[in-house]
């Protein structure tokens, strides 16, 4: 399935939670969701609420976003999140 977000929205996929620590300890299943994700699709931007929005993100960017931002959907067995570009806190550069 190909998703095309509208206006200033993006589609992201969260990174998997770490199950083993750096020292080799296996972590229990009750962990918080990671707040780093990969951008899968980007809307075109345009006029949103009377303001012109230029999209700063692109497909493949790693981003940091707030814990409760966006709407979560399950599509084809994958959990994806749709949120506004303005909800993104930072681009993560390796």
N, C-alpha and C. Protein backbone atom coordinates (compact mmCIF):
# COMPACT_ATOMS: atom_id res chain seq x y z
N UNK A 1 0.84 -1.18 0.00
CA UNK A 1 0.00 0.00 0.00
C UNK A 1 0.89 1.24 0.00
N UNK A 2 0.53 2.20 -0.81
CA UNK A 2 1.29 3.44 -0.91
C UNK A 2 0.50 4.56 -0.24
N UNK A 3 1.04 5.17 0.80
CA UNK A 3 0.37 6.26 1.50
C UNK A 3 0.92 7.59 1.02
N UNK A 4 0.02 8.53 0.77
CA UNK A 4 0.42 9.87 0.37
C UNK A 4 -0.24 10.85 1.34
N UNK A 5 0.52 11.37 2.31
CA UNK A 5 -0.06 12.29 3.28
C UNK A 5 -0.45 13.62 2.63
N UNK A 6 -1.42 14.26 3.22
CA UNK A 6 -1.91 15.54 2.72
C UNK A 6 -1.28 16.71 3.48
N UNK A 7 -1.20 17.85 2.80
CA UNK A 7 -0.75 19.11 3.39
C UNK A 7 0.59 18.97 4.10
N UNK A 8 0.63 19.30 5.41
CA UNK A 8 1.89 19.33 6.16
C UNK A 8 2.09 18.07 7.01
N UNK A 9 1.48 16.98 6.59
CA UNK A 9 1.59 15.74 7.37
C UNK A 9 2.69 14.83 6.83
N UNK A 10 3.21 13.99 7.72
CA UNK A 10 4.21 13.00 7.34
C UNK A 10 3.80 11.64 7.90
N UNK A 11 4.29 10.58 7.28
CA UNK A 11 4.07 9.21 7.77
C UNK A 11 5.43 8.70 8.25
N UNK A 12 5.45 8.16 9.48
CA UNK A 12 6.70 7.67 10.05
C UNK A 12 6.54 6.24 10.56
N UNK A 13 7.67 5.56 10.69
CA UNK A 13 7.71 4.25 11.31
C UNK A 13 8.70 4.31 12.45
N UNK A 14 8.23 3.95 13.65
CA UNK A 14 9.10 3.99 14.83
C UNK A 14 10.19 2.95 14.72
N UNK A 15 11.33 3.27 15.31
CA UNK A 15 12.40 2.29 15.41
C UNK A 15 11.99 1.25 16.44
N UNK A 16 12.48 0.05 16.29
CA UNK A 16 12.19 -1.01 17.24
C UNK A 16 12.85 -0.70 18.57
N UNK A 17 12.18 -1.06 19.67
CA UNK A 17 12.73 -0.86 21.00
C UNK A 17 13.89 -1.83 21.21
N UNK A 18 14.91 -1.36 21.89
CA UNK A 18 16.06 -2.20 22.19
C UNK A 18 15.63 -3.29 23.17
N UNK A 19 16.00 -4.54 22.91
CA UNK A 19 15.66 -5.64 23.80
C UNK A 19 16.86 -6.14 24.59
N UNK A 20 18.05 -5.70 24.20
CA UNK A 20 19.28 -6.08 24.90
C UNK A 20 20.10 -4.83 25.15
N UNK A 21 20.60 -4.69 26.37
CA UNK A 21 21.42 -3.52 26.69
C UNK A 21 22.82 -3.69 26.11
N UNK A 22 23.61 -2.64 26.17
CA UNK A 22 24.98 -2.69 25.66
C UNK A 22 25.83 -3.73 26.40
N UNK A 23 25.50 -3.99 27.67
CA UNK A 23 26.25 -4.98 28.44
C UNK A 23 25.71 -6.39 28.27
N UNK A 24 24.64 -6.56 27.46
CA UNK A 24 24.12 -7.89 27.16
C UNK A 24 22.94 -8.33 27.98
N UNK A 25 22.40 -7.47 28.84
CA UNK A 25 21.23 -7.83 29.63
C UNK A 25 19.97 -7.78 28.77
N UNK A 26 19.12 -8.78 28.89
CA UNK A 26 17.86 -8.82 28.15
C UNK A 26 16.83 -8.03 28.93
N UNK A 27 16.16 -7.09 28.26
CA UNK A 27 15.17 -6.23 28.91
C UNK A 27 13.80 -6.88 28.87
N UNK A 28 12.99 -6.61 29.88
CA UNK A 28 11.61 -7.12 29.94
C UNK A 28 10.75 -6.45 28.88
N UNK A 29 9.59 -7.00 28.60
CA UNK A 29 8.73 -6.52 27.53
C UNK A 29 8.04 -5.19 27.78
N UNK A 30 7.95 -4.73 29.00
CA UNK A 30 7.23 -3.49 29.29
C UNK A 30 8.17 -2.29 29.20
N UNK A 31 8.44 -1.87 27.98
CA UNK A 31 9.32 -0.73 27.75
C UNK A 31 8.53 0.39 27.09
N UNK A 32 9.04 1.59 27.21
CA UNK A 32 8.43 2.71 26.51
C UNK A 32 8.77 2.63 25.03
N UNK A 33 7.88 3.17 24.20
CA UNK A 33 8.12 3.21 22.77
C UNK A 33 9.26 4.18 22.48
N UNK A 34 10.11 3.84 21.52
CA UNK A 34 11.16 4.79 21.15
C UNK A 34 10.55 6.03 20.51
N UNK A 35 11.22 7.16 20.65
CA UNK A 35 10.73 8.41 20.08
C UNK A 35 11.53 8.83 18.87
N UNK A 36 12.26 7.88 18.31
CA UNK A 36 12.99 8.12 17.07
C UNK A 36 12.32 7.29 15.99
N UNK A 37 12.13 7.89 14.82
CA UNK A 37 11.43 7.21 13.73
C UNK A 37 12.05 7.58 12.40
N UNK A 38 11.68 6.82 11.38
CA UNK A 38 12.11 7.08 10.02
C UNK A 38 10.93 7.60 9.21
N UNK A 39 11.14 8.64 8.43
CA UNK A 39 10.09 9.22 7.60
C UNK A 39 9.87 8.34 6.37
N UNK A 40 8.63 7.89 6.17
CA UNK A 40 8.28 7.04 5.03
C UNK A 40 7.62 7.82 3.90
N UNK A 41 6.89 8.88 4.23
CA UNK A 41 6.20 9.68 3.21
C UNK A 41 6.03 11.10 3.74
N UNK A 42 6.05 12.07 2.82
CA UNK A 42 5.95 13.49 3.17
C UNK A 42 4.89 14.14 2.30
N UNK A 43 4.00 14.92 2.92
CA UNK A 43 2.99 15.66 2.18
C UNK A 43 3.61 16.80 1.39
N UNK A 44 2.82 17.45 0.54
CA UNK A 44 3.36 18.50 -0.33
C UNK A 44 3.53 19.86 0.35
N UNK A 45 2.99 20.03 1.55
CA UNK A 45 3.03 21.36 2.17
C UNK A 45 1.91 22.20 1.60
N UNK A 46 2.15 23.51 1.44
CA UNK A 46 1.14 24.40 0.87
C UNK A 46 0.58 25.33 1.93
N UNK A 47 -0.62 25.84 1.67
CA UNK A 47 -1.27 26.77 2.58
C UNK A 47 -2.05 25.98 3.63
N UNK A 48 -1.65 26.12 4.90
CA UNK A 48 -2.31 25.44 6.01
C UNK A 48 -2.68 26.50 7.03
N UNK A 49 -3.96 26.63 7.34
CA UNK A 49 -4.44 27.63 8.29
C UNK A 49 -3.98 29.04 7.93
N UNK A 50 -3.97 29.35 6.64
CA UNK A 50 -3.62 30.68 6.16
C UNK A 50 -2.13 30.96 6.08
N UNK A 51 -1.30 29.98 6.40
CA UNK A 51 0.16 30.17 6.36
C UNK A 51 0.75 29.19 5.35
N UNK A 52 1.77 29.66 4.62
CA UNK A 52 2.42 28.76 3.68
C UNK A 52 3.43 27.88 4.42
N UNK A 53 3.29 26.58 4.24
CA UNK A 53 4.17 25.61 4.89
C UNK A 53 5.09 25.01 3.84
N UNK A 54 6.39 25.14 4.06
CA UNK A 54 7.40 24.52 3.19
C UNK A 54 7.91 23.30 3.94
N UNK A 55 7.86 22.15 3.30
CA UNK A 55 8.27 20.92 3.96
C UNK A 55 9.80 20.87 4.09
N UNK A 56 10.26 20.66 5.32
CA UNK A 56 11.70 20.60 5.62
C UNK A 56 12.20 19.16 5.66
N UNK A 57 11.27 18.21 5.76
CA UNK A 57 11.63 16.80 5.89
C UNK A 57 11.56 16.11 4.54
N UNK A 58 12.29 14.99 4.44
CA UNK A 58 12.23 14.19 3.22
C UNK A 58 12.19 12.71 3.61
N UNK A 59 11.78 11.89 2.69
CA UNK A 59 11.71 10.45 2.93
C UNK A 59 13.11 9.94 3.30
N UNK A 60 13.17 9.13 4.35
CA UNK A 60 14.44 8.57 4.80
C UNK A 60 15.05 9.30 5.98
N UNK A 61 14.58 10.53 6.29
CA UNK A 61 15.10 11.26 7.44
C UNK A 61 14.78 10.50 8.73
N UNK A 62 15.72 10.54 9.69
CA UNK A 62 15.46 10.03 11.04
C UNK A 62 15.05 11.23 11.86
N UNK A 63 13.97 11.10 12.61
CA UNK A 63 13.47 12.24 13.38
C UNK A 63 13.26 11.88 14.84
N UNK A 64 13.20 12.91 15.66
CA UNK A 64 12.85 12.81 17.07
C UNK A 64 11.51 13.51 17.23
N UNK A 65 10.55 12.84 17.87
CA UNK A 65 9.23 13.44 18.02
C UNK A 65 8.68 13.18 19.41
N UNK A 66 7.70 13.99 19.88
CA UNK A 66 7.15 13.83 21.22
C UNK A 66 6.42 12.49 21.39
N UNK A 67 6.41 12.02 22.61
CA UNK A 67 5.84 10.72 22.95
C UNK A 67 4.39 10.55 22.51
N UNK A 68 3.56 11.56 22.65
CA UNK A 68 2.13 11.42 22.37
C UNK A 68 1.68 12.15 21.10
N UNK A 69 2.59 12.45 20.21
CA UNK A 69 2.25 13.17 18.97
C UNK A 69 1.69 12.22 17.93
N UNK A 70 0.83 12.73 17.08
CA UNK A 70 0.35 11.98 15.92
C UNK A 70 -0.73 10.97 16.22
N UNK A 71 -1.14 10.28 15.16
CA UNK A 71 -2.15 9.23 15.23
C UNK A 71 -1.53 7.94 14.73
N UNK A 72 -1.69 6.89 15.52
CA UNK A 72 -1.10 5.59 15.19
C UNK A 72 -2.09 4.74 14.41
N UNK A 73 -1.60 4.08 13.35
CA UNK A 73 -2.43 3.22 12.51
C UNK A 73 -1.70 1.91 12.28
N UNK A 74 -2.45 0.85 12.11
CA UNK A 74 -1.88 -0.45 11.78
C UNK A 74 -2.30 -0.76 10.35
N UNK A 75 -1.33 -0.81 9.43
CA UNK A 75 -1.60 -1.03 8.01
C UNK A 75 -0.69 -2.15 7.52
N UNK A 76 -1.30 -3.18 6.94
CA UNK A 76 -0.55 -4.33 6.42
C UNK A 76 0.42 -4.91 7.46
N UNK A 77 -0.02 -4.99 8.71
CA UNK A 77 0.81 -5.58 9.76
C UNK A 77 1.87 -4.66 10.33
N UNK A 78 1.98 -3.44 9.81
CA UNK A 78 2.96 -2.47 10.31
C UNK A 78 2.25 -1.37 11.08
N UNK A 79 2.88 -0.92 12.16
CA UNK A 79 2.34 0.21 12.90
C UNK A 79 3.02 1.47 12.40
N UNK A 80 2.21 2.39 11.88
CA UNK A 80 2.70 3.66 11.35
C UNK A 80 2.07 4.80 12.12
N UNK A 81 2.73 5.94 12.11
CA UNK A 81 2.21 7.14 12.78
C UNK A 81 2.14 8.26 11.75
N UNK A 82 1.01 8.99 11.76
CA UNK A 82 0.84 10.16 10.90
C UNK A 82 0.82 11.38 11.82
N UNK A 83 1.71 12.35 11.54
CA UNK A 83 1.74 13.55 12.34
C UNK A 83 2.10 14.75 11.47
N UNK A 84 1.95 15.92 12.02
CA UNK A 84 2.28 17.15 11.31
C UNK A 84 3.79 17.41 11.40
N UNK A 85 4.32 18.04 10.38
CA UNK A 85 5.73 18.39 10.38
C UNK A 85 6.08 19.24 11.60
N UNK A 86 5.18 20.10 12.02
CA UNK A 86 5.45 20.99 13.16
C UNK A 86 5.57 20.23 14.48
N UNK A 87 5.11 18.96 14.52
CA UNK A 87 5.26 18.15 15.73
C UNK A 87 6.66 17.57 15.89
N UNK A 88 7.44 17.57 14.81
CA UNK A 88 8.79 16.99 14.85
C UNK A 88 9.71 17.92 15.63
N UNK A 89 10.47 17.35 16.54
CA UNK A 89 11.37 18.14 17.39
C UNK A 89 12.73 18.35 16.75
N UNK A 90 13.24 17.33 16.03
CA UNK A 90 14.58 17.44 15.45
C UNK A 90 14.80 16.35 14.41
N UNK A 91 15.76 16.62 13.52
CA UNK A 91 16.24 15.59 12.60
C UNK A 91 17.49 15.00 13.24
N UNK A 92 17.55 13.67 13.30
CA UNK A 92 18.69 12.98 13.92
C UNK A 92 19.72 12.69 12.84
N UNK A 93 20.93 13.20 13.03
CA UNK A 93 22.00 12.96 12.08
C UNK A 93 23.02 12.04 12.72
N UNK A 94 23.38 11.00 12.00
CA UNK A 94 24.35 10.02 12.51
C UNK A 94 25.76 10.46 12.26
